[in-house]
């Protein structure tokens, strides 16, 4: 498995800065993340003491499989929970506080690669709490408790043998659009899938799965027909949906750099919400991957006003939010032409102005790198052009009132003297009828 340095071509980075990038740029970012996962795994092998023999044998198996079936190996190493396991395991090894068999989870990764490649293999895998997690496939339940290493054999047909131990495989669910153009794993089992405190208790019910699949089909058709750049990025980047708890009112969604390729969300209310959520979270995923290659900000102890948050944000968080809401504004820019309802026009007017305002704060902070200045300037050019696009007068007024109301509530909560960066105004153009 070859380790290669990655850089983003300037033209690709410029397209990403403008808010899009499409499938081509997304493929660059997924390649970066694959190399990142490989580097983390190599780091684990360098640092591991206990469990290292099993981990090294698993790595040797992966290297052999990569020669026979590189796509099968790449598929499992790219899996988001594998990246989270690798980062957390290496971090604990560096702190000298690992779980004794945590590095041996590489055996389970090798087993999955062998199953996908259709190759017979035997590896040691860790069993914890009576189960073995096979990333991207499911969880094997054993009759034993505690933490231990067990030998797992797979044959060319994918059958699993654990010797005398009786096993039951609980498989991860998959959701697909009606045209099968997009097919995603619903990961509600892997212990590395997300922050444990935020995931749902238990698994999604059959009724909830049907709701998710219906919303996914509607969202995909919407993106495929009207938002093809987002659709291309979604297919290239996102492979996993992870259910998380929702608030008392509304819904939650999130993404994280450690689980590139996962979108975590509560049960969606409808397809349009899910399509907009994809537009939002894809931006976070792209920027997180960009930051693994290019530094865009410098250290900065100040906190800033963000038009989408109730709390002050550091500069790095402000950039993340601005890039995400650039994507949200772009979604509503097109969707309002399809739906032609006041809500869609308000959302476009509101988020284009909010993101535009924040680019001014970012550029005026003095804490962007040269690459960061170029990147944010690209964002601002896109938003500046959108600010000139006509919006119904009533929608523009509503958007302005929403922005002013957020600013007023933020000042009351946090203290006006803490506002840093752009002054307390929301830039806007004259509304067109």
Foldseek 3Di string as FASTA:
>chain_A
DDQDDADDPPVQLLCVLLQFNFQVSLLSLLVLLLNVLVVLLVLCLVQDDQQNVLLVVLVVLLVVLCVVPVVLLSVLSSALLSLLLSVVQSVCSVVVHHDRNSSNCSNLSSLSSCLVSLAKDKGKHKDAQQWGANPPFFIKGWPDHHIDIFIWIAHSNGDIDRDPIDIDTDTWDWAAAPVRPAIATADLDDPSQDDVVWADPDDDDPVLNVLQNQLQNLLQVLCVVFPVSLNRSLRSWAHYEYETDADPDDKDWEDDLSRTRYIYIHRDPHNVVVNLSSLLHSQLSSVSSNCVHDAWWADDPAWADQLVDLATHDLVVLVSNLSSLLSSLVSLVRVCVVVVDLVSLLSNLQSLQRSLQSLQQNCPVVTTDPSNNSSSVSNNVSSVVSLPDAGPQVSNVVSQVSSLVSLVSSCVVPNPVRHHGGPPHGDHDHHDD
